[in-house]
Amino acid sequence: DHDPVLTQTLSEIAWFCFSMPFPPFIVQDLAVSWAILSDKRPKPLFPHWLAYATTGLTLTFYPALGVHCVHYGAMAWDGALEFWLGAAGFGIQVGLLVSFLIKAVGRPDEEDVVELVDL
């Protein structure tokens, strides 16, 4: 048996490590949004609203910045804003991106062929 205080401390450290490593995902999501908006073809591979939705859903990760400051309530590591808002936003974002990626994979190539140029 372990001391309950030690168990509580280790549990909080584990949740901290689980909740906080999201900044690389923010950079990735912004890069995906930029790539979607950079497609200037008449019929883009992904609709432009998907880029705005991806950026908006990325904002749901920001309440996790308070994980180390608040111990109780909605902003705590297990609270509604801290964990569940980010988890729901991430789930919706992944669902949208995967569904549109599956549609894009099955889409036939158009006549937009990139020509290789010898330098």
C-alpha atoms as a PDB file:
ATOM      1  CA  ASP A   1       0.000   0.000   0.000  1.00  0.00           C
ATOM      2  CA  HIS A   2       1.086   3.519  -0.771  1.00  0.00           C
ATOM      3  CA  ASP A   3       0.439   6.752   1.007  1.00  0.00           C
ATOM      4  CA  PRO A   4      -2.758   8.379  -0.385  1.00  0.00           C
ATOM      5  CA  VAL A   5      -0.953  11.707  -0.762  1.00  0.00           C
ATOM      6  CA  LEU A   6       1.684  10.046  -2.948  1.00  0.00           C
ATOM      7  CA  THR A   7      -0.999   8.357  -5.033  1.00  0.00           C
ATOM      8  CA  GLN A   8      -2.820  11.691  -5.464  1.00  0.00           C
ATOM      9  CA  THR A   9       0.410  13.438  -6.463  1.00  0.00           C
ATOM     10  CA  LEU A  10       1.344  10.804  -9.028  1.00  0.00           C
ATOM     11  CA  SER A  11      -2.182  10.894 -10.443  1.00  0.00           C
ATOM     12  CA  GLU A  12      -2.029  14.673 -10.860  1.00  0.00           C
ATOM     13  CA  ILE A  13       1.398  14.461 -12.506  1.00  0.00           C
ATOM     14  CA  ALA A  14       0.098  11.842 -14.947  1.00  0.00           C
ATOM     15  CA  TRP A  15      -2.911  13.992 -15.877  1.00  0.00           C
ATOM     16  CA  PHE A  16      -0.647  17.010 -16.254  1.00  0.00           C
ATOM     17  CA  CYS A  17       1.553  15.083 -18.701  1.00  0.00           C
ATOM     18  CA  PHE A  18      -1.552  13.853 -20.530  1.00  0.00           C
ATOM     19  CA  SER A  19      -3.198  17.288 -20.827  1.00  0.00           C
ATOM     20  CA  MET A  20      -0.294  19.620 -21.531  1.00  0.00           C
ATOM     21  CA  PRO A  21       1.593  18.369 -24.615  1.00  0.00           C
ATOM     22  CA  PHE A  22      -0.779  20.066 -27.062  1.00  0.00           C
ATOM     23  CA  PRO A  23       1.320  22.994 -28.454  1.00  0.00           C
ATOM     24  CA  PRO A  24       2.756  20.863 -31.311  1.00  0.00           C
ATOM     25  CA  PHE A  25      -0.821  19.996 -32.293  1.00  0.00           C
ATOM     26  CA  ILE A  26      -1.656  23.700 -32.495  1.00  0.00           C
ATOM     27  CA  VAL A  27       1.223  24.281 -34.919  1.00  0.00           C
ATOM     28  CA  GLN A  28       0.162  21.242 -36.948  1.00  0.00           C
ATOM     29  CA  ASP A  29      -3.464  22.381 -37.105  1.00  0.00           C
ATOM     30  CA  LEU A  30      -2.481  25.868 -38.224  1.00  0.00           C
ATOM     31  CA  ALA A  31      -0.251  24.363 -40.937  1.00  0.00           C
ATOM     32  CA  VAL A  32      -3.132  22.181 -42.152  1.00  0.00           C
ATOM     33  CA  SER A  33      -5.431  25.218 -42.248  1.00  0.00           C
ATOM     34  CA  TRP A  34      -2.843  27.216 -44.176  1.00  0.00           C
ATOM     35  CA  ALA A  35      -2.405  24.376 -46.684  1.00  0.00           C
ATOM     36  CA  ILE A  36      -6.165  24.123 -47.237  1.00  0.00           C
ATOM     37  CA  LEU A  37      -6.483  27.875 -47.774  1.00  0.00           C
ATOM     38  CA  SER A  38      -3.484  27.876 -50.142  1.00  0.00           C
ATOM     39  CA  ASP A  39      -5.310  25.667 -52.640  1.00  0.00           C
ATOM     40  CA  LYS A  40      -6.489  28.208 -55.245  1.00  0.00           C
ATOM     41  CA  ARG A  41      -7.925  25.748 -57.769  1.00  0.00           C
ATOM     42  CA  PRO A  42     -11.513  26.266 -58.930  1.00  0.00           C
ATOM     43  CA  LYS A  43     -12.477  23.029 -57.157  1.00  0.00           C
ATOM     44  CA  PRO A  44     -10.107  22.771 -54.175  1.00  0.00           C
ATOM     45  CA  LEU A  45      -9.297  19.390 -52.691  1.00  0.00           C
ATOM     46  CA  PHE A  46     -10.755  20.435 -49.323  1.00  0.00           C
ATOM     47  CA  PRO A  47     -13.441  23.101 -48.840  1.00  0.00           C
ATOM     48  CA  HIS A  48     -12.099  26.345 -47.400  1.00  0.00           C
ATOM     49  CA  TRP A  49     -14.609  26.288 -44.552  1.00  0.00           C
ATOM     50  CA  LEU A  50     -12.764  23.214 -43.265  1.00  0.00           C
ATOM     51  CA  ALA A  51      -9.684  25.377 -42.652  1.00  0.00           C
ATOM     52  CA  TYR A  52     -11.708  27.840 -40.604  1.00  0.00           C
ATOM     53  CA  ALA A  53     -13.357  24.995 -38.681  1.00  0.00           C
ATOM     54  CA  THR A  54      -9.950  23.441 -37.984  1.00  0.00           C
ATOM     55  CA  THR A  55      -8.591  26.749 -36.701  1.00  0.00           C
ATOM     56  CA  GLY A  56     -11.686  27.321 -34.569  1.00  0.00           C
ATOM     57  CA  LEU A  57     -11.521  23.859 -33.065  1.00  0.00           C
ATOM     58  CA  THR A  58      -7.823  24.398 -32.327  1.00  0.00           C
ATOM     59  CA  LEU A  59      -8.875  27.214 -30.006  1.00  0.00           C
ATOM     60  CA  THR A  60     -10.570  24.632 -27.773  1.00  0.00           C
ATOM     61  CA  PHE A  61      -7.102  23.431 -26.705  1.00  0.00           C
ATOM     62  CA  TYR A  62      -6.169  26.739 -25.054  1.00  0.00           C
ATOM     63  CA  PRO A  63      -7.978  26.230 -21.722  1.00  0.00           C
ATOM     64  CA  ALA A  64      -5.458  23.436 -21.073  1.00  0.00           C
ATOM     65  CA  LEU A  65      -2.895  26.146 -20.374  1.00  0.00           C
ATOM     66  CA  GLY A  66      -4.451  26.509 -16.922  1.00  0.00           C
ATOM     67  CA  VAL A  67      -3.943  22.887 -15.907  1.00  0.00           C
ATOM     68  CA  HIS A  68      -1.068  23.681 -13.553  1.00  0.00           C
ATOM     69  CA  CYS A  69      -2.737  26.699 -11.920  1.00  0.00           C
ATOM     70  CA  VAL A  70      -6.188  25.445 -10.939  1.00  0.00           C
ATOM     71  CA  HIS A  71      -6.916  22.365  -8.839  1.00  0.00           C
ATOM     72  CA  TYR A  72     -10.728  22.414  -8.529  1.00  0.00           C
ATOM     73  CA  GLY A  73     -13.662  23.314 -10.728  1.00  0.00           C
ATOM     74  CA  ALA A  74     -14.128  23.661 -14.482  1.00  0.00           C
ATOM     75  CA  MET A  75     -10.514  24.703 -15.117  1.00  0.00           C
ATOM     76  CA  ALA A  76      -8.979  21.827 -13.127  1.00  0.00           C
ATOM     77  CA  TRP A  77      -7.244  18.992 -14.960  1.00  0.00           C
ATOM     78  CA  ASP A  78     -10.458  16.946 -14.959  1.00  0.00           C
ATOM     79  CA  GLY A  79     -12.859  19.856 -15.378  1.00  0.00           C
ATOM     80  CA  ALA A  80     -15.277  20.656 -18.183  1.00  0.00           C
ATOM     81  CA  LEU A  81     -13.181  23.420 -19.749  1.00  0.00           C
ATOM     82  CA  GLU A  82      -9.773  21.933 -19.138  1.00  0.00           C
ATOM     83  CA  PHE A  83     -10.210  18.390 -20.371  1.00  0.00           C
ATOM     84  CA  TRP A  84     -13.616  17.823 -21.951  1.00  0.00           C
ATOM     85  CA  LEU A  85     -13.749  20.923 -24.149  1.00  0.00           C
ATOM     86  CA  GLY A  86     -10.355  20.109 -25.662  1.00  0.00           C
ATOM     87  CA  ALA A  87     -11.195  16.422 -26.021  1.00  0.00           C
ATOM     88  CA  ALA A  88     -14.493  17.189 -27.766  1.00  0.00           C
ATOM     89  CA  GLY A  89     -12.831  19.752 -30.040  1.00  0.00           C
ATOM     90  CA  PHE A  90     -10.069  17.312 -30.929  1.00  0.00           C
ATOM     91  CA  GLY A  91     -12.570  14.530 -31.653  1.00  0.00           C
ATOM     92  CA  ILE A  92     -14.695  16.733 -33.914  1.00  0.00           C
ATOM     93  CA  GLN A  93     -11.604  18.052 -35.679  1.00  0.00           C
ATOM     94  CA  VAL A  94     -10.169  14.600 -36.343  1.00  0.00           C
ATOM     95  CA  GLY A  95     -13.564  13.343 -37.509  1.00  0.00           C
ATOM     96  CA  LEU A  96     -13.932  16.209 -39.985  1.00  0.00           C
ATOM     97  CA  LEU A  97     -10.394  15.944 -41.331  1.00  0.00           C
ATOM     98  CA  VAL A  98     -10.510  12.159 -41.706  1.00  0.00           C
ATOM     99  CA  SER A  99     -13.892  12.193 -43.457  1.00  0.00           C
ATOM    100  CA  PHE A 100     -12.768  14.830 -45.966  1.00  0.00           C
ATOM    101  CA  LEU A 101      -9.428  13.076 -46.461  1.00  0.00           C
ATOM    102  CA  ILE A 102     -11.207   9.817 -47.298  1.00  0.00           C
ATOM    103  CA  LYS A 103     -13.346  11.710 -49.832  1.00  0.00           C
ATOM    104  CA  ALA A 104     -10.222  13.337 -51.301  1.00  0.00           C
ATOM    105  CA  VAL A 105      -8.405  10.011 -51.665  1.00  0.00           C
ATOM    106  CA  GLY A 106     -11.255   8.601 -53.731  1.00  0.00           C
ATOM    107  CA  ARG A 107     -11.505  11.724 -55.885  1.00  0.00           C
ATOM    108  CA  PRO A 108     -10.175  11.307 -59.436  1.00  0.00           C
ATOM    109  CA  ASP A 109      -7.265  13.453 -60.530  1.00  0.00           C
ATOM    110  CA  GLU A 110      -8.181  16.571 -62.418  1.00  0.00           C
ATOM    111  CA  GLU A 111      -6.351  18.133 -65.295  1.00  0.00           C
ATOM    112  CA  ASP A 112      -4.297  20.270 -62.929  1.00  0.00           C
ATOM    113  CA  VAL A 113      -0.958  18.691 -63.744  1.00  0.00           C
ATOM    114  CA  VAL A 114       2.175  20.219 -62.341  1.00  0.00           C
ATOM    115  CA  GLU A 115       4.897  20.501 -64.951  1.00  0.00           C
ATOM    116  CA  LEU A 116       8.430  19.695 -63.923  1.00  0.00           C
ATOM    117  CA  VAL A 117      10.888  22.384 -64.879  1.00  0.00           C
ATOM    118  CA  ASP A 118      14.575  21.709 -65.403  1.00  0.00           C
ATOM    119  CA  LEU A 119      16.731  24.243 -63.647  1.00  0.00           C
END
